[in-house]
Amino acid sequence: RKQESGTFVHMSSTSGLIGNFGQANYSAAKLGMTALSKSIALDMQRYN
């Protein structure tokens, strides 16, 4: 925010995007990361 620049790359997973057998915890976390990323993009676009 102070330098008005920066990037985030979050390593999500198709397990989060579509679900996966035996991975309720991992899938939920990975889909949560995609929502986190989009919210960060919205909140911080004013700071480039």
All heavy atoms as atom14 arrays in JSON, in Angstrom:
{
  "sequence": "RKQESGTFVHMSSTSGLIGNFGQANYSAAKLGMTALSKSIALDMQRYN",
  "atom14_mask": [
    [1, 1, 1, 1, 1, 1, 1, 1, 1, 1, 1, 0, 0, 0],
    [1, 1, 1, 1, 1, 1, 1, 1, 1, 0, 0, 0, 0, 0],
    [1, 1, 1, 1, 1, 1, 1, 1, 1, 0, 0, 0, 0, 0],
    [1, 1, 1, 1, 1, 1, 1, 1, 1, 0, 0, 0, 0, 0],
    [1, 1, 1, 1, 1, 1, 0, 0, 0, 0, 0, 0, 0, 0],
    [1, 1, 1, 1, 0, 0, 0, 0, 0, 0, 0, 0, 0, 0],
    [1, 1, 1, 1, 1, 1, 1, 0, 0, 0, 0, 0, 0, 0],
    [1, 1, 1, 1, 1, 1, 1, 1, 1, 1, 1, 0, 0, 0],
    [1, 1, 1, 1, 1, 1, 1, 0, 0, 0, 0, 0, 0, 0],
    [1, 1, 1, 1, 1, 1, 1, 1, 1, 1, 0, 0, 0, 0],
    [1, 1, 1, 1, 1, 1, 1, 1, 0, 0, 0, 0, 0, 0],
    [1, 1, 1, 1, 1, 1, 0, 0, 0, 0, 0, 0, 0, 0],
    [1, 1, 1, 1, 1, 1, 0, 0, 0, 0, 0, 0, 0, 0],
    [1, 1, 1, 1, 1, 1, 1, 0, 0, 0, 0, 0, 0, 0],
    [1, 1, 1, 1, 1, 1, 0, 0, 0, 0, 0, 0, 0, 0],
    [1, 1, 1, 1, 0, 0, 0, 0, 0, 0, 0, 0, 0, 0],
    [1, 1, 1, 1, 1, 1, 1, 1, 0, 0, 0, 0, 0, 0],
    [1, 1, 1, 1, 1, 1, 1, 1, 0, 0, 0, 0, 0, 0],
    [1, 1, 1, 1, 0, 0, 0, 0, 0, 0, 0, 0, 0, 0],
    [1, 1, 1, 1, 1, 1, 1, 1, 0, 0, 0, 0, 0, 0],
    [1, 1, 1, 1, 1, 1, 1, 1, 1, 1, 1, 0, 0, 0],
    [1, 1, 1, 1, 0, 0, 0, 0, 0, 0, 0, 0, 0, 0],
    [1, 1, 1, 1, 1, 1, 1, 1, 1, 0, 0, 0, 0, 0],
    [1, 1, 1, 1, 1, 0, 0, 0, 0, 0, 0, 0, 0, 0],
    [1, 1, 1, 1, 1, 1, 1, 1, 0, 0, 0, 0, 0, 0],
    [1, 1, 1, 1, 1, 1, 1, 1, 1, 1, 1, 1, 0, 0],
    [1, 1, 1, 1, 1, 1, 0, 0, 0, 0, 0, 0, 0, 0],
    [1, 1, 1, 1, 1, 0, 0, 0, 0, 0, 0, 0, 0, 0],
    [1, 1, 1, 1, 1, 0, 0, 0, 0, 0, 0, 0, 0, 0],
    [1, 1, 1, 1, 1, 1, 1, 1, 1, 0, 0, 0, 0, 0],
    [1, 1, 1, 1, 1, 1, 1, 1, 0, 0, 0, 0, 0, 0],
    [1, 1, 1, 1, 0, 0, 0, 0, 0, 0, 0, 0, 0, 0],
    [1, 1, 1, 1, 1, 1, 1, 1, 0, 0, 0, 0, 0, 0],
    [1, 1, 1, 1, 1, 1, 1, 0, 0, 0, 0, 0, 0, 0],
    [1, 1, 1, 1, 1, 0, 0, 0, 0, 0, 0, 0, 0, 0],
    [1, 1, 1, 1, 1, 1, 1, 1, 0, 0, 0, 0, 0, 0],
    [1, 1, 1, 1, 1, 1, 0, 0, 0, 0, 0, 0, 0, 0],
    [1, 1, 1, 1, 1, 1, 1, 1, 1, 0, 0, 0, 0, 0],
    [1, 1, 1, 1, 1, 1, 0, 0, 0, 0, 0, 0, 0, 0],
    [1, 1, 1, 1, 1, 1, 1, 1, 0, 0, 0, 0, 0, 0],
    [1, 1, 1, 1, 1, 0, 0, 0, 0, 0, 0, 0, 0, 0],
    [1, 1, 1, 1, 1, 1, 1, 1, 0, 0, 0, 0, 0, 0],
    [1, 1, 1, 1, 1, 1, 1, 1, 0, 0, 0, 0, 0, 0],
    [1, 1, 1, 1, 1, 1, 1, 1, 0, 0, 0, 0, 0, 0],
    [1, 1, 1, 1, 1, 1, 1, 1, 1, 0, 0, 0, 0, 0],
    [1, 1, 1, 1, 1, 1, 1, 1, 1, 1, 1, 0, 0, 0],
    [1, 1, 1, 1, 1, 1, 1, 1, 1, 1, 1, 1, 0, 0],
    [1, 1, 1, 1, 1, 1, 1, 1, 0, 0, 0, 0, 0, 0]
  ],
  "atom14_positions": [
    [[0.83, -1.2, 0.0], [0.0, 0.0, 0.0], [0.87, 1.26, 0.0], [0.6, 2.21, -0.74], [-0.93, -0.01, 1.21], [-1.92, 1.14, 1.25], [-2.86, 1.0, 2.44], [-2.14, 1.07, 3.71], [-1.8, 2.2, 4.32], [-2.09, 3.37, 3.78], [-1.17, 2.18, 5.48], [0.0, 0.0, 0.0], [0.0, 0.0, 0.0], [0.0, 0.0, 0.0]],
    [[1.92, 1.24, 0.82], [2.78, 2.41, 0.92], [3.57, 2.66, -0.37], [3.74, 3.81, -0.78], [3.75, 2.25, 2.1], [3.05, 2.32, 3.45], [4.01, 1.99, 4.59], [3.3, 1.99, 5.93], [4.21, 1.58, 7.04], [0.0, 0.0, 0.0], [0.0, 0.0, 0.0], [0.0, 0.0, 0.0], [0.0, 0.0, 0.0], [0.0, 0.0, 0.0]],
    [[4.02, 1.58, -1.01], [4.8, 1.76, -2.23], [3.92, 1.79, -3.48], [4.42, 2.04, -4.58], [5.86, 0.67, -2.35], [5.31, -0.74, -2.6], [6.33, -1.83, -2.33], [7.25, -1.66, -1.52], [6.19, -2.97, -2.98], [0.0, 0.0, 0.0], [0.0, 0.0, 0.0], [0.0, 0.0, 0.0], [0.0, 0.0, 0.0], [0.0, 0.0, 0.0]],
    [[2.63, 1.5, -3.3], [1.65, 1.5, -4.38], [2.05, 0.56, -5.51], [1.97, 0.9, -6.7], [1.39, 2.91, -4.9], [0.76, 3.82, -3.85], [0.24, 5.13, -4.41], [0.57, 5.46, -5.56], [-0.5, 5.81, -3.69], [0.0, 0.0, 0.0], [0.0, 0.0, 0.0], [0.0, 0.0, 0.0], [0.0, 0.0, 0.0], [0.0, 0.0, 0.0]],
    [[2.45, -0.63, -5.1], [2.76, -1.68, -6.08], [2.91, -3.0, -5.35], [3.13, -3.03, -4.13], [4.05, -1.36, -6.85], [5.17, -1.4, -5.98], [0.0, 0.0, 0.0], [0.0, 0.0, 0.0], [0.0, 0.0, 0.0], [0.0, 0.0, 0.0], [0.0, 0.0, 0.0], [0.0, 0.0, 0.0], [0.0, 0.0, 0.0], [0.0, 0.0, 0.0]],
    [[2.79, -4.09, -6.09], [2.98, -5.41, -5.51], [2.05, -6.43, -6.14], [1.02, -6.1, -6.74], [0.0, 0.0, 0.0], [0.0, 0.0, 0.0], [0.0, 0.0, 0.0], [0.0, 0.0, 0.0], [0.0, 0.0, 0.0], [0.0, 0.0, 0.0], [0.0, 0.0, 0.0], [0.0, 0.0, 0.0], [0.0, 0.0, 0.0], [0.0, 0.0, 0.0]],
    [[2.43, -7.71, -6.02], [1.63, -8.79, -6.6], [1.49, -9.94, -5.62], [2.36, -10.19, -4.8], [2.28, -9.34, -7.9], [3.56, -9.9, -7.58], [2.43, -8.25, -8.94], [0.0, 0.0, 0.0], [0.0, 0.0, 0.0], [0.0, 0.0, 0.0], [0.0, 0.0, 0.0], [0.0, 0.0, 0.0], [0.0, 0.0, 0.0], [0.0, 0.0, 0.0]],
    [[0.35, -10.62, -5.75], [0.12, -11.88, -5.05], [-0.21, -12.95, -6.08], [-1.01, -12.72, -7.0], [-1.07, -11.77, -4.09], [-0.87, -10.79, -2.96], [-1.52, -9.56, -2.98], [-0.07, -11.11, -1.88], [-1.36, -8.66, -1.94], [0.1, -10.21, -0.83], [-0.55, -8.98, -0.86], [0.0, 0.0, 0.0], [0.0, 0.0, 0.0], [0.0, 0.0, 0.0]],
    [[0.37, -14.13, -5.89], [-0.01, -15.32, -6.65], [-0.34, -16.4, -5.62], [0.51, -16.76, -4.8], [1.11, -15.8, -7.59], [0.7, -17.11, -8.26], [1.42, -14.74, -8.64], [0.0, 0.0, 0.0], [0.0, 0.0, 0.0], [0.0, 0.0, 0.0], [0.0, 0.0, 0.0], [0.0, 0.0, 0.0], [0.0, 0.0, 0.0], [0.0, 0.0, 0.0]],
    [[-1.56, -16.88, -5.66], [-2.01, -17.9, -4.72], [-2.16, -19.22, -5.48], [-2.87, -19.28, -6.5], [-3.36, -17.51, -4.1], [-3.41, -16.09, -3.62], [-3.03, -15.72, -2.35], [-3.78, -14.95, -4.26], [-3.18, -14.41, -2.22], [-3.63, -13.92, -3.37], [0.0, 0.0, 0.0], [0.0, 0.0, 0.0], [0.0, 0.0, 0.0], [0.0, 0.0, 0.0]],
    [[-1.52, -20.26, -4.98], [-1.61, -21.56, -5.65], [-2.86, -22.28, -5.17], [-2.9, -22.85, -4.07], [-0.35, -22.38, -5.38], [0.94, -21.68, -5.77], [0.98, -21.09, -7.5], [1.09, -22.65, -8.37], [0.0, 0.0, 0.0], [0.0, 0.0, 0.0], [0.0, 0.0, 0.0], [0.0, 0.0, 0.0], [0.0, 0.0, 0.0], [0.0, 0.0, 0.0]],
    [[-3.89, -22.23, -5.99], [-5.16, -22.88, -5.68], [-5.1, -24.33, -6.16], [-4.03, -24.93, -6.22], [-6.31, -22.11, -6.34], [-7.55, -22.69, -6.01], [0.0, 0.0, 0.0], [0.0, 0.0, 0.0], [0.0, 0.0, 0.0], [0.0, 0.0, 0.0], [0.0, 0.0, 0.0], [0.0, 0.0, 0.0], [0.0, 0.0, 0.0], [0.0, 0.0, 0.0]],
    [[-6.23, -24.91, -6.5], [-6.28, -26.3, -6.96], [-7.61, -26.57, -7.62], [-8.64, -26.0, -7.24], [-6.1, -27.26, -5.77], [-6.32, -28.6, -6.16], [0.0, 0.0, 0.0], [0.0, 0.0, 0.0], [0.0, 0.0, 0.0], [0.0, 0.0, 0.0], [0.0, 0.0, 0.0], [0.0, 0.0, 0.0], [0.0, 0.0, 0.0], [0.0, 0.0, 0.0]],
    [[-7.59, -27.46, -8.61], [-8.86, -27.9, -9.18], [-9.7, -28.64, -8.14], [-10.92, -28.71, -8.27], [-8.62, -28.8, -10.39], [-7.72, -29.85, -10.04], [-8.06, -28.01, -11.56], [0.0, 0.0, 0.0], [0.0, 0.0, 0.0], [0.0, 0.0, 0.0], [0.0, 0.0, 0.0], [0.0, 0.0, 0.0], [0.0, 0.0, 0.0], [0.0, 0.0, 0.0]],
    [[-9.06, -29.17, -7.1], [-9.84, -29.77, -6.0], [-10.74, -28.74, -5.36], [-11.84, -29.06, -4.89], [-8.89, -30.36, -4.95], [-8.2, -31.48, -5.46], [0.0, 0.0, 0.0], [0.0, 0.0, 0.0], [0.0, 0.0, 0.0], [0.0, 0.0, 0.0], [0.0, 0.0, 0.0], [0.0, 0.0, 0.0], [0.0, 0.0, 0.0], [0.0, 0.0, 0.0]],
    [[-10.3, -27.49, -5.31], [-11.12, -26.42, -4.78], [-12.17, -25.96, -5.77], [-13.3, -25.64, -5.4], [0.0, 0.0, 0.0], [0.0, 0.0, 0.0], [0.0, 0.0, 0.0], [0.0, 0.0, 0.0], [0.0, 0.0, 0.0], [0.0, 0.0, 0.0], [0.0, 0.0, 0.0], [0.0, 0.0, 0.0], [0.0, 0.0, 0.0], [0.0, 0.0, 0.0]],
    [[-11.82, -25.94, -7.05], [-12.73, -25.42, -8.06], [-13.88, -26.37, -8.35], [-14.98, -25.93, -8.67], [-11.96, -25.12, -9.36], [-10.81, -24.12, -9.23], [-10.1, -23.97, -10.57], [-11.31, -22.78, -8.74], [0.0, 0.0, 0.0], [0.0, 0.0, 0.0], [0.0, 0.0, 0.0], [0.0, 0.0, 0.0], [0.0, 0.0, 0.0], [0.0, 0.0, 0.0]],
    [[-13.63, -27.68, -8.24], [-14.68, -28.65, -8.58], [-14.94, -29.67, -7.48], [-15.87, -30.47, -7.59], [-14.33, -29.41, -9.88], [-13.07, -30.27, -9.7], [-14.19, -28.45, -11.06], [-12.78, -31.21, -10.82], [0.0, 0.0, 0.0], [0.0, 0.0, 0.0], [0.0, 0.0, 0.0], [0.0, 0.0, 0.0], [0.0, 0.0, 0.0], [0.0, 0.0, 0.0]],
    [[-14.13, -29.67, -6.42], [-14.26, -30.68, -5.37], [-13.45, -31.92, -5.69], [-13.05, -32.14, -6.84], [0.0, 0.0, 0.0], [0.0, 0.0, 0.0], [0.0, 0.0, 0.0], [0.0, 0.0, 0.0], [0.0, 0.0, 0.0], [0.0, 0.0, 0.0], [0.0, 0.0, 0.0], [0.0, 0.0, 0.0], [0.0, 0.0, 0.0], [0.0, 0.0, 0.0]],
    [[-13.18, -32.74, -4.67], [-12.43, -33.97, -4.9], [-12.72, -34.96, -3.78], [-12.94, -34.58, -2.63], [-10.92, -33.69, -4.96], [-10.17, -34.77, -5.7], [-10.75, -35.6, -6.39], [-8.86, -34.77, -5.56], [0.0, 0.0, 0.0], [0.0, 0.0, 0.0], [0.0, 0.0, 0.0], [0.0, 0.0, 0.0], [0.0, 0.0, 0.0], [0.0, 0.0, 0.0]],
    [[-12.7, -36.2, -4.11], [-12.98, -37.27, -3.16], [-11.92, -37.29, -2.06], [-10.72, -37.25, -2.34], [-12.99, -38.62, -3.9], [-13.32, -39.79, -3.03], [-14.64, -40.11, -2.73], [-12.31, -40.57, -2.5], [-14.94, -41.19, -1.92], [-12.6, -41.66, -1.7], [-13.92, -41.96, -1.41], [0.0, 0.0, 0.0], [0.0, 0.0, 0.0], [0.0, 0.0, 0.0]],
    [[-12.36, -37.33, -0.82], [-11.44, -37.45, 0.31], [-10.66, -36.2, 0.64], [-9.68, -36.26, 1.39], [0.0, 0.0, 0.0], [0.0, 0.0, 0.0], [0.0, 0.0, 0.0], [0.0, 0.0, 0.0], [0.0, 0.0, 0.0], [0.0, 0.0, 0.0], [0.0, 0.0, 0.0], [0.0, 0.0, 0.0], [0.0, 0.0, 0.0], [0.0, 0.0, 0.0]],
    [[-11.09, -35.05, 0.1], [-10.33, -33.82, 0.31], [-11.23, -32.65, 0.7], [-11.02, -31.52, 0.26], [-9.53, -33.45, -0.94], [-8.34, -34.36, -1.2], [-7.39, -33.77, -2.23], [-7.8, -33.15, -3.2], [-6.1, -33.97, -2.01], [0.0, 0.0, 0.0], [0.0, 0.0, 0.0], [0.0, 0.0, 0.0], [0.0, 0.0, 0.0], [0.0, 0.0, 0.0]],
    [[-12.2, -32.88, 1.56], [-13.1, -31.79, 1.96], [-12.33, -30.63, 2.57], [-12.62, -29.46, 2.3], [-14.14, -32.32, 2.94], [0.0, 0.0, 0.0], [0.0, 0.0, 0.0], [0.0, 0.0, 0.0], [0.0, 0.0, 0.0], [0.0, 0.0, 0.0], [0.0, 0.0, 0.0], [0.0, 0.0, 0.0], [0.0, 0.0, 0.0], [0.0, 0.0, 0.0]],
    [[-11.32, -30.93, 3.39], [-10.53, -29.89, 4.03], [-9.7, -29.11, 3.01], [-9.72, -27.88, 2.96], [-9.65, -30.48, 5.13], [-8.87, -31.72, 4.7], [-8.89, -32.12, 3.52], [-8.19, -32.35, 5.63], [0.0, 0.0, 0.0], [0.0, 0.0, 0.0], [0.0, 0.0, 0.0], [0.0, 0.0, 0.0], [0.0, 0.0, 0.0], [0.0, 0.0, 0.0]],
    [[-8.97, -29.84, 2.19], [-8.11, -29.23, 1.17], [-8.92, -28.46, 0.14], [-8.58, -27.34, -0.25], [-7.3, -30.35, 0.52], [-6.32, -29.93, -0.54], [-5.1, -29.35, -0.2], [-6.59, -30.15, -1.89], [-4.18, -29.0, -1.18], [-5.69, -29.8, -2.87], [-4.48, -29.23, -2.52], [-3.58, -28.88, -3.49], [0.0, 0.0, 0.0], [0.0, 0.0, 0.0]],
    [[-10.03, -29.07, -0.32], [-10.88, -28.41, -1.32], [-11.46, -27.12, -0.79], [-11.48, -26.1, -1.49], [-12.01, -29.36, -1.74], [-11.5, -30.53, -2.35], [0.0, 0.0, 0.0], [0.0, 0.0, 0.0], [0.0, 0.0, 0.0], [0.0, 0.0, 0.0], [0.0, 0.0, 0.0], [0.0, 0.0, 0.0], [0.0, 0.0, 0.0], [0.0, 0.0, 0.0]],
    [[-11.94, -27.15, 0.46], [-12.52, -25.95, 1.06], [-11.47, -24.85, 1.18], [-11.74, -23.67, 0.9], [-13.11, -26.27, 2.43], [0.0, 0.0, 0.0], [0.0, 0.0, 0.0], [0.0, 0.0, 0.0], [0.0, 0.0, 0.0], [0.0, 0.0, 0.0], [0.0, 0.0, 0.0], [0.0, 0.0, 0.0], [0.0, 0.0, 0.0], [0.0, 0.0, 0.0]],
    [[-10.26, -25.22, 1.61], [-9.19, -24.23, 1.76], [-8.8, -23.64, 0.41], [-8.61, -22.42, 0.28], [-7.98, -24.89, 2.42], [0.0, 0.0, 0.0], [0.0, 0.0, 0.0], [0.0, 0.0, 0.0], [0.0, 0.0, 0.0], [0.0, 0.0, 0.0], [0.0, 0.0, 0.0], [0.0, 0.0, 0.0], [0.0, 0.0, 0.0], [0.0, 0.0, 0.0]],
    [[-8.7, -24.47, -0.61], [-8.25, -23.99, -1.91], [-9.3, -23.12, -2.59], [-8.96, -22.13, -3.26], [-7.89, -25.18, -2.81], [-6.59, -25.87, -2.41], [-5.4, -24.92, -2.44], [-4.08, -25.62, -2.29], [-2.93, -24.68, -2.29], [0.0, 0.0, 0.0], [0.0, 0.0, 0.0], [0.0, 0.0, 0.0], [0.0, 0.0, 0.0], [0.0, 0.0, 0.0]],
    [[-10.58, -23.46, -2.45], [-11.6, -22.59, -2.99], [-11.64, -21.28, -2.21], [-11.83, -20.2, -2.78], [-12.97, -23.26, -2.97], [-14.1, -22.48, -3.67], [-13.74, -22.19, -5.12], [-15.42, -23.23, -3.57], [0.0, 0.0, 0.0], [0.0, 0.0, 0.0], [0.0, 0.0, 0.0], [0.0, 0.0, 0.0], [0.0, 0.0, 0.0], [0.0, 0.0, 0.0]],
    [[-11.43, -21.37, -0.9], [-11.33, -20.16, -0.1], [-10.21, -19.25, -0.56], [-10.35, -18.01, -0.54], [0.0, 0.0, 0.0], [0.0, 0.0, 0.0], [0.0, 0.0, 0.0], [0.0, 0.0, 0.0], [0.0, 0.0, 0.0], [0.0, 0.0, 0.0], [0.0, 0.0, 0.0], [0.0, 0.0, 0.0], [0.0, 0.0, 0.0], [0.0, 0.0, 0.0]],
    [[-9.11, -19.82, -1.0], [-8.0, -19.02, -1.5], [-8.37, -18.24, -2.76], [-7.92, -17.11, -2.97], [-6.78, -19.9, -1.75], [-6.1, -20.39, -0.49], [-4.83, -21.64, -0.78], [-3.62, -20.7, -1.71], [0.0, 0.0, 0.0], [0.0, 0.0, 0.0], [0.0, 0.0, 0.0], [0.0, 0.0, 0.0], [0.0, 0.0, 0.0], [0.0, 0.0, 0.0]],
    [[-9.2, -18.84, -3.61], [-9.6, -18.11, -4.82], [-10.49, -16.92, -4.46], [-10.36, -15.84, -5.05], [-10.34, -19.02, -5.81], [-11.58, -19.47, -5.25], [-9.49, -20.22, -6.18], [0.0, 0.0, 0.0], [0.0, 0.0, 0.0], [0.0, 0.0, 0.0], [0.0, 0.0, 0.0], [0.0, 0.0, 0.0], [0.0, 0.0, 0.0], [0.0, 0.0, 0.0]],
    [[-11.37, -17.1, -3.47], [-12.2, -15.98, -3.02], [-11.36, -14.92, -2.34], [-11.59, -13.7, -2.52], [-13.29, -16.5, -2.08], [0.0, 0.0, 0.0], [0.0, 0.0, 0.0], [0.0, 0.0, 0.0], [0.0, 0.0, 0.0], [0.0, 0.0, 0.0], [0.0, 0.0, 0.0], [0.0, 0.0, 0.0], [0.0, 0.0, 0.0], [0.0, 0.0, 0.0]],
    [[-10.39, -15.36, -1.55], [-9.47, -14.42, -0.91], [-8.74, -13.6, -1.97], [-8.64, -12.37, -1.87], [-8.46, -15.18, -0.05], [-7.31, -14.38, 0.54], [-7.82, -13.36, 1.55], [-6.28, -15.31, 1.18], [0.0, 0.0, 0.0], [0.0, 0.0, 0.0], [0.0, 0.0, 0.0], [0.0, 0.0, 0.0], [0.0, 0.0, 0.0], [0.0, 0.0, 0.0]],
    [[-8.25, -14.27, -2.99], [-7.5, -13.59, -4.05], [-8.36, -12.54, -4.75], [-7.92, -11.41, -4.99], [-6.99, -14.61, -5.07], [-6.34, -13.96, -6.13], [0.0, 0.0, 0.0], [0.0, 0.0, 0.0], [0.0, 0.0, 0.0], [0.0, 0.0, 0.0], [0.0, 0.0, 0.0], [0.0, 0.0, 0.0], [0.0, 0.0, 0.0], [0.0, 0.0, 0.0]],
    [[-9.61, -12.89, -5.07], [-10.47, -11.94, -5.77], [-10.81, -10.75, -4.88], [-10.9, -9.61, -5.36], [-11.73, -12.66, -6.24], [-11.45, -13.66, -7.36], [-12.71, -14.36, -7.84], [-12.37, -15.35, -8.95], [-13.57, -16.01, -9.5], [0.0, 0.0, 0.0], [0.0, 0.0, 0.0], [0.0, 0.0, 0.0], [0.0, 0.0, 0.0], [0.0, 0.0, 0.0]],
    [[-10.99, -11.0, -3.6], [-11.29, -9.9, -2.69], [-10.08, -8.99, -2.51], [-10.23, -7.76, -2.44], [-11.75, -10.45, -1.33], [-12.98, -11.12, -1.46], [0.0, 0.0, 0.0], [0.0, 0.0, 0.0], [0.0, 0.0, 0.0], [0.0, 0.0, 0.0], [0.0, 0.0, 0.0], [0.0, 0.0, 0.0], [0.0, 0.0, 0.0], [0.0, 0.0, 0.0]],
    [[-8.89, -9.59, -2.43], [-7.67, -8.76, -2.38], [-7.56, -7.91, -3.63], [-7.24, -6.72, -3.58], [-6.42, -9.66, -2.22], [-6.38, -10.31, -0.85], [-5.15, -8.84, -2.45], [-5.28, -11.35, -0.69], [0.0, 0.0, 0.0], [0.0, 0.0, 0.0], [0.0, 0.0, 0.0], [0.0, 0.0, 0.0], [0.0, 0.0, 0.0], [0.0, 0.0, 0.0]],
    [[-7.84, -8.52, -4.79], [-7.76, -7.78, -6.05], [-8.69, -6.58, -6.03], [-8.32, -5.48, -6.49], [-8.11, -8.71, -7.22], [0.0, 0.0, 0.0], [0.0, 0.0, 0.0], [0.0, 0.0, 0.0], [0.0, 0.0, 0.0], [0.0, 0.0, 0.0], [0.0, 0.0, 0.0], [0.0, 0.0, 0.0], [0.0, 0.0, 0.0], [0.0, 0.0, 0.0]],
    [[-9.9, -6.75, -5.49], [-10.85, -5.65, -5.42], [-10.41, -4.58, -4.42], [-10.46, -3.38, -4.7], [-12.23, -6.18, -5.03], [-12.96, -7.0, -6.1], [-14.16, -7.71, -5.48], [-13.4, -6.12, -7.26], [0.0, 0.0, 0.0], [0.0, 0.0, 0.0], [0.0, 0.0, 0.0], [0.0, 0.0, 0.0], [0.0, 0.0, 0.0], [0.0, 0.0, 0.0]],
    [[-9.98, -5.02, -3.24], [-9.62, -4.09, -2.17], [-8.37, -3.28, -2.48], [-8.23, -2.13, -2.05], [-9.41, -4.84, -0.86], [-10.72, -5.3, -0.23], [-11.79, -4.87, -0.69], [-10.66, -6.1, 0.73], [0.0, 0.0, 0.0], [0.0, 0.0, 0.0], [0.0, 0.0, 0.0], [0.0, 0.0, 0.0], [0.0, 0.0, 0.0], [0.0, 0.0, 0.0]],
    [[-7.42, -3.89, -3.21], [-6.11, -3.26, -3.35], [-5.81, -2.75, -4.75], [-4.69, -2.3, -5.02], [-5.01, -4.23, -2.88], [-5.17, -4.63, -1.42], [-3.63, -5.17, -0.65], [-2.71, -3.63, -0.54], [0.0, 0.0, 0.0], [0.0, 0.0, 0.0], [0.0, 0.0, 0.0], [0.0, 0.0, 0.0], [0.0, 0.0, 0.0], [0.0, 0.0, 0.0]],
    [[-6.81, -2.79, -5.63], [-6.54, -2.29, -6.98], [-6.21, -0.8, -6.98], [-5.46, -0.31, -7.83], [-7.73, -2.57, -7.89], [-9.03, -1.93, -7.49], [-10.18, -2.32, -8.42], [-9.95, -2.63, -9.6], [-11.4, -2.32, -7.91], [0.0, 0.0, 0.0], [0.0, 0.0, 0.0], [0.0, 0.0, 0.0], [0.0, 0.0, 0.0], [0.0, 0.0, 0.0]],
    [[-6.73, -0.06, -6.0], [-6.44, 1.38, -5.92], [-4.97, 1.64, -5.64], [-4.47, 2.76, -5.87], [-7.3, 2.02, -4.83], [-6.88, 1.69, -3.41], [-7.84, 2.18, -2.36], [-9.08, 1.42, -2.36], [-10.07, 1.61, -1.5], [-9.98, 2.57, -0.59], [-11.14, 0.87, -1.55], [0.0, 0.0, 0.0], [0.0, 0.0, 0.0], [0.0, 0.0, 0.0]],
    [[-4.27, 0.63, -5.13], [-2.84, 0.78, -4.84], [-1.97, 0.09, -5.89], [-0.78, -0.16, -5.66], [-2.52, 0.19, -3.46], [-3.35, 0.8, -2.35], [-4.27, 0.02, -1.65], [-3.22, 2.14, -2.01], [-5.04, 0.57, -0.64], [-3.99, 2.7, -1.0], [-4.9, 1.91, -0.32], [-5.67, 2.46, 0.68], [0.0, 0.0, 0.0], [0.0, 0.0, 0.0]],
    [[-2.56, -0.24, -7.03], [-1.83, -0.91, -8.12], [-1.31, -2.28, -7.71], [-0.25, -2.73, -8.17], [-0.68, -0.04, -8.64], [-1.14, 1.29, -9.16], [-2.08, 1.37, -9.95], [-0.5, 2.37, -8.71], [0.0, 0.0, 0.0], [0.0, 0.0, 0.0], [0.0, 0.0, 0.0], [0.0, 0.0, 0.0], [0.0, 0.0, 0.0], [0.0, 0.0, 0.0]]
  ]
}
